[in-house]
Amino acid sequence: MQTPRHPSFRLCAERAKTQSTRGSQATSLVDLAVTRYPTIRVSKRTANPLVLVAQVRHELRRAGVAHDEIGRFTAEALSEGDPEHARTVCSRWVETGARDQA
């Protein structure tokens, strides 16, 4: 794992890495092209990607997504410690409206 660029990401990335090793699967190219949960929509507009990750986690829980799957999302979103990577992962898992912004 690379050293995260932001201190709060470092803490979150380390925590996510230790919590989600159970049941993790490799991400395929199909996973990268399709929103995993297209019926879940997150409308939080913020410059802080940690807030966006928290909102996605909240909406996944509300939708009844398994705890292990939510842990997998968290680990993936925080894995690189890069805010842009976290935003990209969020938009691959749920509808965030980020794709519409140019």
PDB file of N, CA and C in Angstrom:
ATOM      1  N   MET A   1       0.838  -1.181   0.000  1.00  0.00           N
ATOM      2  CA  MET A   1       0.000   0.000   0.000  1.00  0.00           C
ATOM      3  C   MET A   1       0.877   1.235   0.000  1.00  0.00           C
ATOM      4  N   GLN A   2       0.535   2.198  -0.829  1.00  0.00           N
ATOM      5  CA  GLN A   2       1.279   3.442  -0.900  1.00  0.00           C
ATOM      6  C   GLN A   2       1.010   4.276   0.352  1.00  0.00           C
ATOM      7  N   THR A   3       1.937   5.165   0.669  1.00  0.00           N
ATOM      8  CA  THR A   3       1.724   6.079   1.771  1.00  0.00           C
ATOM      9  C   THR A   3       0.662   7.086   1.372  1.00  0.00           C
ATOM     10  N   PRO A   4      -0.427   7.176   2.151  1.00  0.00           N
ATOM     11  CA  PRO A   4      -1.492   8.113   1.803  1.00  0.00           C
ATOM     12  C   PRO A   4      -1.008   9.548   1.799  1.00  0.00           C
ATOM     13  N   ARG A   5      -1.603  10.361   0.930  1.00  0.00           N
ATOM     14  CA  ARG A   5      -1.208  11.752   0.769  1.00  0.00           C
ATOM     15  C   ARG A   5      -1.771  12.657   1.857  1.00  0.00           C
ATOM     16  N   HIS A   6      -2.831  12.261   2.471  1.00  0.00           N
ATOM     17  CA  HIS A   6      -3.491  13.098   3.465  1.00  0.00           C
ATOM     18  C   HIS A   6      -3.525  12.346   4.790  1.00  0.00           C
ATOM     19  N   PRO A   7      -3.217  13.006   5.923  1.00  0.00           N
ATOM     20  CA  PRO A   7      -3.143  12.310   7.211  1.00  0.00           C
ATOM     21  C   PRO A   7      -4.418  11.576   7.602  1.00  0.00           C
ATOM     22  N   SER A   8      -5.583  12.171   7.375  1.00  0.00           N
ATOM     23  CA  SER A   8      -6.813  11.483   7.764  1.00  0.00           C
ATOM     24  C   SER A   8      -7.054  10.256   6.890  1.00  0.00           C
ATOM     25  N   PHE A   9      -6.606  10.298   5.634  1.00  0.00           N
ATOM     26  CA  PHE A   9      -6.710   9.126   4.783  1.00  0.00           C
ATOM     27  C   PHE A   9      -5.812   8.011   5.291  1.00  0.00           C
ATOM     28  N   ARG A  10      -4.638   8.355   5.818  1.00  0.00           N
ATOM     29  CA  ARG A  10      -3.722   7.329   6.314  1.00  0.00           C
ATOM     30  C   ARG A  10      -4.402   6.499   7.394  1.00  0.00           C
ATOM     31  N   LEU A  11      -5.012   7.144   8.367  1.00  0.00           N
ATOM     32  CA  LEU A  11      -5.688   6.452   9.446  1.00  0.00           C
ATOM     33  C   LEU A  11      -6.844   5.611   8.920  1.00  0.00           C
ATOM     34  N   CYS A  12      -7.668   6.193   8.065  1.00  0.00           N
ATOM     35  CA  CYS A  12      -8.815   5.476   7.520  1.00  0.00           C
ATOM     36  C   CYS A  12      -8.385   4.307   6.635  1.00  0.00           C
ATOM     37  N   ALA A  13      -7.348   4.505   5.836  1.00  0.00           N
ATOM     38  CA  ALA A  13      -6.869   3.446   4.953  1.00  0.00           C
ATOM     39  C   ALA A  13      -6.319   2.272   5.753  1.00  0.00           C
ATOM     40  N   GLU A  14      -5.588   2.563   6.822  1.00  0.00           N
ATOM     41  CA  GLU A  14      -5.054   1.482   7.654  1.00  0.00           C
ATOM     42  C   GLU A  14      -6.189   0.709   8.324  1.00  0.00           C
ATOM     43  N   ARG A  15      -7.182   1.417   8.818  1.00  0.00           N
ATOM     44  CA  ARG A  15      -8.312   0.770   9.474  1.00  0.00           C
ATOM     45  C   ARG A  15      -9.099  -0.077   8.471  1.00  0.00           C
ATOM     46  N   ALA A  16      -9.345   0.461   7.292  1.00  0.00           N
ATOM     47  CA  ALA A  16     -10.103  -0.265   6.275  1.00  0.00           C
ATOM     48  C   ALA A  16      -9.356  -1.506   5.817  1.00  0.00           C
ATOM     49  N   LYS A  17      -8.053  -1.413   5.697  1.00  0.00           N
ATOM     50  CA  LYS A  17      -7.254  -2.550   5.245  1.00  0.00           C
ATOM     51  C   LYS A  17      -7.356  -3.706   6.227  1.00  0.00           C
ATOM     52  N   THR A  18      -7.341  -3.420   7.513  1.00  0.00           N
ATOM     53  CA  THR A  18      -7.404  -4.488   8.507  1.00  0.00           C
ATOM     54  C   THR A  18      -8.802  -5.054   8.648  1.00  0.00           C
ATOM     55  N   GLN A  19      -9.841  -4.278   8.348  1.00  0.00           N
ATOM     56  CA  GLN A  19     -11.211  -4.730   8.552  1.00  0.00           C
ATOM     57  C   GLN A  19     -11.798  -5.511   7.391  1.00  0.00           C
ATOM     58  N   SER A  20     -11.267  -5.380   6.193  1.00  0.00           N
ATOM     59  CA  SER A  20     -11.979  -5.949   5.048  1.00  0.00           C
ATOM     60  C   SER A  20     -11.227  -7.043   4.311  1.00  0.00           C
ATOM     61  N   THR A  21     -10.326  -7.713   4.955  1.00  0.00           N
ATOM     62  CA  THR A  21      -9.609  -8.771   4.263  1.00  0.00           C
ATOM     63  C   THR A  21     -10.466 -10.018   4.108  1.00  0.00           C
ATOM     64  N   ARG A  22     -11.535 -10.145   4.880  1.00  0.00           N
ATOM     65  CA  ARG A  22     -12.424 -11.298   4.753  1.00  0.00           C
ATOM     66  C   ARG A  22     -13.283 -11.172   3.507  1.00  0.00           C
ATOM     67  N   GLY A  23     -13.307 -12.208   2.705  1.00  0.00           N
ATOM     68  CA  GLY A  23     -14.203 -12.261   1.566  1.00  0.00           C
ATOM     69  C   GLY A  23     -13.908 -11.286   0.446  1.00  0.00           C
ATOM     70  N   SER A  24     -12.707 -10.735   0.407  1.00  0.00           N
ATOM     71  CA  SER A  24     -12.413  -9.790  -0.669  1.00  0.00           C
ATOM     72  C   SER A  24     -12.195 -10.544  -1.974  1.00  0.00           C
ATOM     73  N   GLN A  25     -12.625  -9.914  -3.056  1.00  0.00           N
ATOM     74  CA  GLN A  25     -12.495 -10.494  -4.384  1.00  0.00           C
ATOM     75  C   GLN A  25     -11.814  -9.482  -5.283  1.00  0.00           C
ATOM     76  N   ALA A  26     -11.130  -9.975  -6.284  1.00  0.00           N
ATOM     77  CA  ALA A  26     -10.479  -9.078  -7.235  1.00  0.00           C
ATOM     78  C   ALA A  26     -11.543  -8.350  -8.047  1.00  0.00           C
ATOM     79  N   THR A  27     -11.300  -7.114  -8.357  1.00  0.00           N
ATOM     80  CA  THR A  27     -12.223  -6.326  -9.161  1.00  0.00           C
ATOM     81  C   THR A  27     -11.962  -6.620 -10.632  1.00  0.00           C
ATOM     82  N   SER A  28     -12.996  -6.970 -11.350  1.00  0.00           N
ATOM     83  CA  SER A  28     -12.836  -7.266 -12.767  1.00  0.00           C
ATOM     84  C   SER A  28     -13.065  -5.996 -13.581  1.00  0.00           C
ATOM     85  N   LEU A  29     -12.740  -6.058 -14.855  1.00  0.00           N
ATOM     86  CA  LEU A  29     -12.964  -4.920 -15.740  1.00  0.00           C
ATOM     87  C   LEU A  29     -14.451  -4.607 -15.872  1.00  0.00           C
ATOM     88  N   VAL A  30     -15.298  -5.618 -15.762  1.00  0.00           N
ATOM     89  CA  VAL A  30     -16.736  -5.396 -15.818  1.00  0.00           C
ATOM     90  C   VAL A  30     -17.164  -4.552 -14.620  1.00  0.00           C
ATOM     91  N   ASP A  31     -16.592  -4.838 -13.425  1.00  0.00           N
ATOM     92  CA  ASP A  31     -16.917  -4.061 -12.236  1.00  0.00           C
ATOM     93  C   ASP A  31     -16.572  -2.596 -12.417  1.00  0.00           C
ATOM     94  N   LEU A  32     -15.521  -2.301 -13.194  1.00  0.00           N
ATOM     95  CA  LEU A  32     -15.083  -0.924 -13.369  1.00  0.00           C
ATOM     96  C   LEU A  32     -16.005  -0.138 -14.279  1.00  0.00           C
ATOM     97  N   ALA A  33     -16.735  -0.806 -15.158  1.00  0.00           N
ATOM     98  CA  ALA A  33     -17.548  -0.125 -16.156  1.00  0.00           C
ATOM     99  C   ALA A  33     -19.003   0.055 -15.726  1.00  0.00           C
ATOM    100  N   VAL A  34     -19.458  -0.688 -14.726  1.00  0.00           N
ATOM    101  CA  VAL A  34     -20.858  -0.696 -14.341  1.00  0.00           C
ATOM    102  C   VAL A  34     -20.990  -0.273 -12.880  1.00  0.00           C
ATOM    103  N   THR A  35     -21.977   0.552 -12.598  1.00  0.00           N
ATOM    104  CA  THR A  35     -22.246   0.913 -11.210  1.00  0.00           C
ATOM    105  C   THR A  35     -22.772  -0.319 -10.498  1.00  0.00           C
ATOM    106  N   ARG A  36     -22.126  -0.670  -9.413  1.00  0.00           N
ATOM    107  CA  ARG A  36     -22.467  -1.901  -8.695  1.00  0.00           C
ATOM    108  C   ARG A  36     -23.881  -1.861  -8.119  1.00  0.00           C
ATOM    109  N   TYR A  37     -24.285  -0.743  -7.539  1.00  0.00           N
ATOM    110  CA  TYR A  37     -25.621  -0.591  -6.963  1.00  0.00           C
ATOM    111  C   TYR A  37     -26.292   0.646  -7.581  1.00  0.00           C
ATOM    112  N   PRO A  38     -26.797   0.524  -8.806  1.00  0.00           N
ATOM    113  CA  PRO A  38     -27.341   1.695  -9.510  1.00  0.00           C
ATOM    114  C   PRO A  38     -28.618   2.249  -8.891  1.00  0.00           C
ATOM    115  N   THR A  39     -29.300   1.482  -8.064  1.00  0.00           N
ATOM    116  CA  THR A  39     -30.531   1.981  -7.441  1.00  0.00           C
ATOM    117  C   THR A  39     -30.255   2.816  -6.194  1.00  0.00           C
ATOM    118  N   ILE A  40     -29.017   2.801  -5.721  1.00  0.00           N
ATOM    119  CA  ILE A  40     -28.644   3.599  -4.549  1.00  0.00           C
ATOM    120  C   ILE A  40     -28.063   4.914  -5.042  1.00  0.00           C
ATOM    121  N   ARG A  41     -28.615   6.003  -4.534  1.00  0.00           N
ATOM    122  CA  ARG A  41     -28.187   7.338  -4.971  1.00  0.00           C
ATOM    123  C   ARG A  41     -27.694   8.133  -3.774  1.00  0.00           C
ATOM    124  N   VAL A  42     -26.526   8.735  -3.919  1.00  0.00           N
ATOM    125  CA  VAL A  42     -25.953   9.604  -2.897  1.00  0.00           C
ATOM    126  C   VAL A  42     -25.883  11.003  -3.479  1.00  0.00           C
ATOM    127  N   SER A  43     -26.523  11.945  -2.794  1.00  0.00           N
ATOM    128  CA  SER A  43     -26.588  13.302  -3.331  1.00  0.00           C
ATOM    129  C   SER A  43     -25.703  14.279  -2.569  1.00  0.00           C
ATOM    130  N   LYS A  44     -24.920  13.799  -1.640  1.00  0.00           N
ATOM    131  CA  LYS A  44     -24.041  14.674  -0.851  1.00  0.00           C
ATOM    132  C   LYS A  44     -22.990  15.289  -1.760  1.00  0.00           C
ATOM    133  N   ARG A  45     -22.945  16.606  -1.799  1.00  0.00           N
ATOM    134  CA  ARG A  45     -21.934  17.322  -2.587  1.00  0.00           C
ATOM    135  C   ARG A  45     -20.964  17.956  -1.610  1.00  0.00           C
ATOM    136  N   THR A  46     -19.752  17.456  -1.594  1.00  0.00           N
ATOM    137  CA  THR A  46     -18.759  17.944  -0.648  1.00  0.00           C
ATOM    138  C   THR A  46     -17.370  17.841  -1.250  1.00  0.00           C
ATOM    139  N   ALA A  47     -16.489  18.683  -0.789  1.00  0.00           N
ATOM    140  CA  ALA A  47     -15.097  18.615  -1.228  1.00  0.00           C
ATOM    141  C   ALA A  47     -14.331  17.566  -0.427  1.00  0.00           C
ATOM    142  N   ASN A  48     -14.905  17.128   0.685  1.00  0.00           N
ATOM    143  CA  ASN A  48     -14.244  16.156   1.546  1.00  0.00           C
ATOM    144  C   ASN A  48     -14.651  14.741   1.136  1.00  0.00           C
ATOM    145  N   PRO A  49     -13.737  13.966   0.554  1.00  0.00           N
ATOM    146  CA  PRO A  49     -14.090  12.623   0.095  1.00  0.00           C
ATOM    147  C   PRO A  49     -14.422  11.668   1.230  1.00  0.00           C
ATOM    148  N   LEU A  50     -13.922  11.928   2.444  1.00  0.00           N
ATOM    149  CA  LEU A  50     -14.266  11.066   3.574  1.00  0.00           C
ATOM    150  C   LEU A  50     -15.753  11.181   3.915  1.00  0.00           C
ATOM    151  N   VAL A  51     -16.319  12.354   3.741  1.00  0.00           N
ATOM    152  CA  VAL A  51     -17.752  12.545   3.956  1.00  0.00           C
ATOM    153  C   VAL A  51     -18.527  11.754   2.905  1.00  0.00           C
ATOM    154  N   LEU A  52     -18.058  11.785   1.673  1.00  0.00           N
ATOM    155  CA  LEU A  52     -18.712  11.029   0.604  1.00  0.00           C
ATOM    156  C   LEU A  52     -18.645   9.524   0.880  1.00  0.00           C
ATOM    157  N   VAL A  53     -17.485   9.030   1.303  1.00  0.00           N
ATOM    158  CA  VAL A  53     -17.343   7.601   1.630  1.00  0.00           C
ATOM    159  C   VAL A  53     -18.298   7.239   2.767  1.00  0.00           C
ATOM    160  N   ALA A  54     -18.379   8.075   3.784  1.00  0.00           N
ATOM    161  CA  ALA A  54     -19.280   7.810   4.908  1.00  0.00           C
ATOM    162  C   ALA A  54     -20.737   7.785   4.456  1.00  0.00           C
ATOM    163  N   GLN A  55     -21.107   8.702   3.567  1.00  0.00           N
ATOM    164  CA  GLN A  55     -22.485   8.738   3.063  1.00  0.00           C
ATOM    165  C   GLN A  55     -22.805   7.492   2.238  1.00  0.00           C
ATOM    166  N   VAL A  56     -21.852   7.055   1.409  1.00  0.00           N
ATOM    167  CA  VAL A  56     -22.065   5.831   0.620  1.00  0.00           C
ATOM    168  C   VAL A  56     -22.229   4.644   1.560  1.00  0.00           C
ATOM    169  N   ARG A  57     -21.373   4.544   2.579  1.00  0.00           N
ATOM    170  CA  ARG A  57     -21.502   3.452   3.560  1.00  0.00           C
ATOM    171  C   ARG A  57     -22.885   3.462   4.215  1.00  0.00           C
ATOM    172  N   HIS A  58     -23.342   4.649   4.587  1.00  0.00           N
ATOM    173  CA  HIS A  58     -24.656   4.787   5.222  1.00  0.00           C
ATOM    174  C   HIS A  58     -25.767   4.298   4.289  1.00  0.00           C
ATOM    175  N   GLU A  59     -25.712   4.718   3.034  1.00  0.00           N
ATOM    176  CA  GLU A  59     -26.748   4.315   2.072  1.00  0.00           C
ATOM    177  C   GLU A  59     -26.678   2.816   1.764  1.00  0.00           C
ATOM    178  N   LEU A  60     -25.478   2.249   1.719  1.00  0.00           N
ATOM    179  CA  LEU A  60     -25.349   0.804   1.515  1.00  0.00           C
ATOM    180  C   LEU A  60     -25.989   0.048   2.683  1.00  0.00           C
ATOM    181  N   ARG A  61     -25.750   0.511   3.913  1.00  0.00           N
ATOM    182  CA  ARG A  61     -26.372  -0.127   5.084  1.00  0.00           C
ATOM    183  C   ARG A  61     -27.890  -0.011   5.012  1.00  0.00           C
ATOM    184  N   ARG A  62     -28.403   1.176   4.661  1.00  0.00           N
ATOM    185  CA  ARG A  62     -29.857   1.374   4.559  1.00  0.00           C
ATOM    186  C   ARG A  62     -30.476   0.450   3.519  1.00  0.00           C
ATOM    187  N   ALA A  63     -29.716   0.137   2.478  1.00  0.00           N
ATOM    188  CA  ALA A  63     -30.222  -0.732   1.405  1.00  0.00           C
ATOM    189  C   ALA A  63     -30.094  -2.209   1.755  1.00  0.00           C
ATOM    190  N   GLY A  64     -29.498  -2.513   2.900  1.00  0.00           N
ATOM    191  CA  GLY A  64     -29.387  -3.906   3.332  1.00  0.00           C
ATOM    192  C   GLY A  64     -28.209  -4.657   2.744  1.00  0.00           C
ATOM    193  N   VAL A  65     -27.199  -3.954   2.274  1.00  0.00           N
ATOM    194  CA  VAL A  65     -26.007  -4.594   1.720  1.00  0.00           C
ATOM    195  C   VAL A  65     -25.228  -5.259   2.858  1.00  0.00           C
ATOM    196  N   ALA A  66     -24.670  -6.425   2.588  1.00  0.00           N
ATOM    197  CA  ALA A  66     -23.947  -7.199   3.606  1.00  0.00           C
ATOM    198  C   ALA A  66     -22.757  -6.417   4.168  1.00  0.00           C
ATOM    199  N   HIS A  67     -22.494  -6.637   5.442  1.00  0.00           N
ATOM    200  CA  HIS A  67     -21.403  -5.961   6.145  1.00  0.00           C
ATOM    201  C   HIS A  67     -20.058  -6.182   5.445  1.00  0.00           C
ATOM    202  N   ASP A  68     -19.800  -7.397   5.005  1.00  0.00           N
ATOM    203  CA  ASP A  68     -18.536  -7.695   4.315  1.00  0.00           C
ATOM    204  C   ASP A  68     -18.402  -6.906   3.018  1.00  0.00           C
ATOM    205  N   GLU A  69     -19.503  -6.743   2.310  1.00  0.00           N
ATOM    206  CA  GLU A  69     -19.487  -5.986   1.062  1.00  0.00           C
ATOM    207  C   GLU A  69     -19.212  -4.505   1.339  1.00  0.00           C
ATOM    208  N   ILE A  70     -19.782  -3.974   2.401  1.00  0.00           N
ATOM    209  CA  ILE A  70     -19.525  -2.586   2.775  1.00  0.00           C
ATOM    210  C   ILE A  70     -18.063  -2.415   3.168  1.00  0.00           C
ATOM    211  N   GLY A  71     -17.510  -3.408   3.862  1.00  0.00           N
ATOM    212  CA  GLY A  71     -16.088  -3.371   4.206  1.00  0.00           C
ATOM    213  C   GLY A  71     -15.214  -3.402   2.969  1.00  0.00           C
ATOM    214  N   ARG A  72     -15.629  -4.168   1.984  1.00  0.00           N
ATOM    215  CA  ARG A  72     -14.887  -4.232   0.719  1.00  0.00           C
ATOM    216  C   ARG A  72     -14.898  -2.867   0.021  1.00  0.00           C
ATOM    217  N   PHE A  73     -16.069  -2.217   0.012  1.00  0.00           N
ATOM    218  CA  PHE A  73     -16.158  -0.877  -0.567  1.00  0.00           C
ATOM    219  C   PHE A  73     -15.213   0.086   0.156  1.00  0.00           C
ATOM    220  N   THR A  74     -15.254   0.065   1.475  1.00  0.00           N
ATOM    221  CA  THR A  74     -14.437   0.985   2.262  1.00  0.00           C
ATOM    222  C   THR A  74     -12.959   0.779   1.993  1.00  0.00           C
ATOM    223  N   ALA A  75     -12.531  -0.471   1.983  1.00  0.00           N
ATOM    224  CA  ALA A  75     -11.117  -0.772   1.721  1.00  0.00           C
ATOM    225  C   ALA A  75     -10.701  -0.285   0.339  1.00  0.00           C
ATOM    226  N   GLU A  76     -11.567  -0.501  -0.644  1.00  0.00           N
ATOM    227  CA  GLU A  76     -11.249  -0.072  -2.004  1.00  0.00           C
ATOM    228  C   GLU A  76     -11.198   1.454  -2.104  1.00  0.00           C
ATOM    229  N   ALA A  77     -12.145   2.127  -1.482  1.00  0.00           N
ATOM    230  CA  ALA A  77     -12.213   3.584  -1.564  1.00  0.00           C
ATOM    231  C   ALA A  77     -11.025   4.255  -0.880  1.00  0.00           C
ATOM    232  N   LEU A  78     -10.553   3.670   0.207  1.00  0.00           N
ATOM    233  CA  LEU A  78      -9.482   4.293   0.985  1.00  0.00           C
ATOM    234  C   LEU A  78      -8.109   3.683   0.728  1.00  0.00           C
ATOM    235  N   SER A  79      -8.034   2.729  -0.183  1.00  0.00           N
ATOM    236  CA  SER A  79      -6.808   1.955  -0.382  1.00  0.00           C
ATOM    237  C   SER A  79      -5.605   2.783  -0.805  1.00  0.00           C
ATOM    238  N   GLU A  80      -5.817   3.807  -1.592  1.00  0.00           N
ATOM    239  CA  GLU A  80      -4.677   4.569  -2.099  1.00  0.00           C
ATOM    240  C   GLU A  80      -4.420   5.860  -1.338  1.00  0.00           C
ATOM    241  N   GLY A  81      -5.334   6.223  -0.465  1.00  0.00           N
ATOM    242  CA  GLY A  81      -5.148   7.444   0.289  1.00  0.00           C
ATOM    243  C   GLY A  81      -5.223   8.696  -0.562  1.00  0.00           C
ATOM    244  N   ASP A  82      -5.886   8.588  -1.678  1.00  0.00           N
ATOM    245  CA  ASP A  82      -5.994   9.699  -2.622  1.00  0.00           C
ATOM    246  C   ASP A  82      -7.462  10.123  -2.710  1.00  0.00           C
ATOM    247  N   PRO A  83      -7.766  11.382  -2.448  1.00  0.00           N
ATOM    248  CA  PRO A  83      -9.161  11.823  -2.496  1.00  0.00           C
ATOM    249  C   PRO A  83      -9.852  11.568  -3.837  1.00  0.00           C
ATOM    250  N   GLU A  84      -9.165  11.758  -4.929  1.00  0.00           N
ATOM    251  CA  GLU A  84      -9.770  11.528  -6.247  1.00  0.00           C
ATOM    252  C   GLU A  84     -10.093  10.046  -6.452  1.00  0.00           C
ATOM    253  N   HIS A  85      -9.211   9.171  -5.988  1.00  0.00           N
ATOM    254  CA  HIS A  85      -9.474   7.728  -6.076  1.00  0.00           C
ATOM    255  C   HIS A  85     -10.725   7.378  -5.281  1.00  0.00           C
ATOM    256  N   ALA A  86     -10.867   7.948  -4.086  1.00  0.00           N
ATOM    257  CA  ALA A  86     -12.037   7.678  -3.255  1.00  0.00           C
ATOM    258  C   ALA A  86     -13.316   8.106  -3.974  1.00  0.00           C
ATOM    259  N   ARG A  87     -13.311   9.276  -4.597  1.00  0.00           N
ATOM    260  CA  ARG A  87     -14.489   9.751  -5.344  1.00  0.00           C
ATOM    261  C   ARG A  87     -14.813   8.816  -6.509  1.00  0.00           C
ATOM    262  N   THR A  88     -13.780   8.366  -7.204  1.00  0.00           N
ATOM    263  CA  THR A  88     -13.980   7.465  -8.344  1.00  0.00           C
ATOM    264  C   THR A  88     -14.602   6.149  -7.891  1.00  0.00           C
ATOM    265  N   VAL A  89     -14.094   5.601  -6.805  1.00  0.00           N
ATOM    266  CA  VAL A  89     -14.632   4.340  -6.286  1.00  0.00           C
ATOM    267  C   VAL A  89     -16.092   4.521  -5.861  1.00  0.00           C
ATOM    268  N   CYS A  90     -16.390   5.624  -5.201  1.00  0.00           N
ATOM    269  CA  CYS A  90     -17.772   5.889  -4.798  1.00  0.00           C
ATOM    270  C   CYS A  90     -18.698   5.883  -6.007  1.00  0.00           C
ATOM    271  N   SER A  91     -18.277   6.520  -7.086  1.00  0.00           N
ATOM    272  CA  SER A  91     -19.135   6.589  -8.273  1.00  0.00           C
ATOM    273  C   SER A  91     -19.237   5.252  -8.996  1.00  0.00           C
ATOM    274  N   ARG A  92     -18.310   4.333  -8.742  1.00  0.00           N
ATOM    275  CA  ARG A  92     -18.417   2.988  -9.321  1.00  0.00           C
ATOM    276  C   ARG A  92     -19.348   2.108  -8.511  1.00  0.00           C
ATOM    277  N   TRP A  93     -19.528   2.398  -7.244  1.00  0.00           N
ATOM    278  CA  TRP A  93     -20.377   1.567  -6.385  1.00  0.00           C
ATOM    279  C   TRP A  93     -21.825   2.029  -6.359  1.00  0.00           C
ATOM    280  N   VAL A  94     -22.060   3.352  -6.348  1.00  0.00           N
ATOM    281  CA  VAL A  94     -23.420   3.887  -6.300  1.00  0.00           C
ATOM    282  C   VAL A  94     -23.517   5.068  -7.247  1.00  0.00           C
ATOM    283  N   GLU A  95     -24.728   5.519  -7.490  1.00  0.00           N
ATOM    284  CA  GLU A  95     -24.937   6.712  -8.308  1.00  0.00           C
ATOM    285  C   GLU A  95     -24.649   7.938  -7.441  1.00  0.00           C
ATOM    286  N   THR A  96     -23.654   8.726  -7.848  1.00  0.00           N
ATOM    287  CA  THR A  96     -23.292   9.904  -7.076  1.00  0.00           C
ATOM    288  C   THR A  96     -23.574  11.200  -7.808  1.00  0.00           C
ATOM    289  N   GLY A  97     -23.844  11.143  -9.079  1.00  0.00           N
ATOM    290  CA  GLY A  97     -24.013  12.357  -9.863  1.00  0.00           C
ATOM    291  C   GLY A  97     -22.672  12.898 -10.326  1.00  0.00           C
ATOM    292  N   ALA A  98     -21.565  12.325  -9.859  1.00  0.00           N
ATOM    293  CA  ALA A  98     -20.229  12.797 -10.224  1.00  0.00           C
ATOM    294  C   ALA A  98     -19.942  12.598 -11.700  1.00  0.00           C
ATOM    295  N   ARG A  99     -20.552  11.606 -12.310  1.00  0.00           N
ATOM    296  CA  ARG A  99     -20.316  11.351 -13.736  1.00  0.00           C
ATOM    297  C   ARG A  99     -20.904  12.442 -14.610  1.00  0.00           C
ATOM    298  N   ASP A 100     -21.940  13.122 -14.097  1.00  0.00           N
ATOM    299  CA  ASP A 100     -22.596  14.160 -14.877  1.00  0.00           C
ATOM    300  C   ASP A 100     -21.823  15.460 -14.859  1.00  0.00           C
ATOM    301  N   GLN A 101     -20.917  15.615 -13.894  1.00  0.00           N
ATOM    302  CA  GLN A 101     -20.160  16.840 -13.770  1.00  0.00           C
ATOM    303  C   GLN A 101     -18.989  16.808 -14.717  1.00  0.00           C
ATOM    304  N   ALA A 102     -18.721  17.899 -15.395  1.00  0.00           N
ATOM    305  CA  ALA A 102     -17.594  17.941 -16.322  1.00  0.00           C
ATOM    306  C   ALA A 102     -16.768  19.166 -16.079  1.00  0.00           C
TER     307      ALA A 102
END
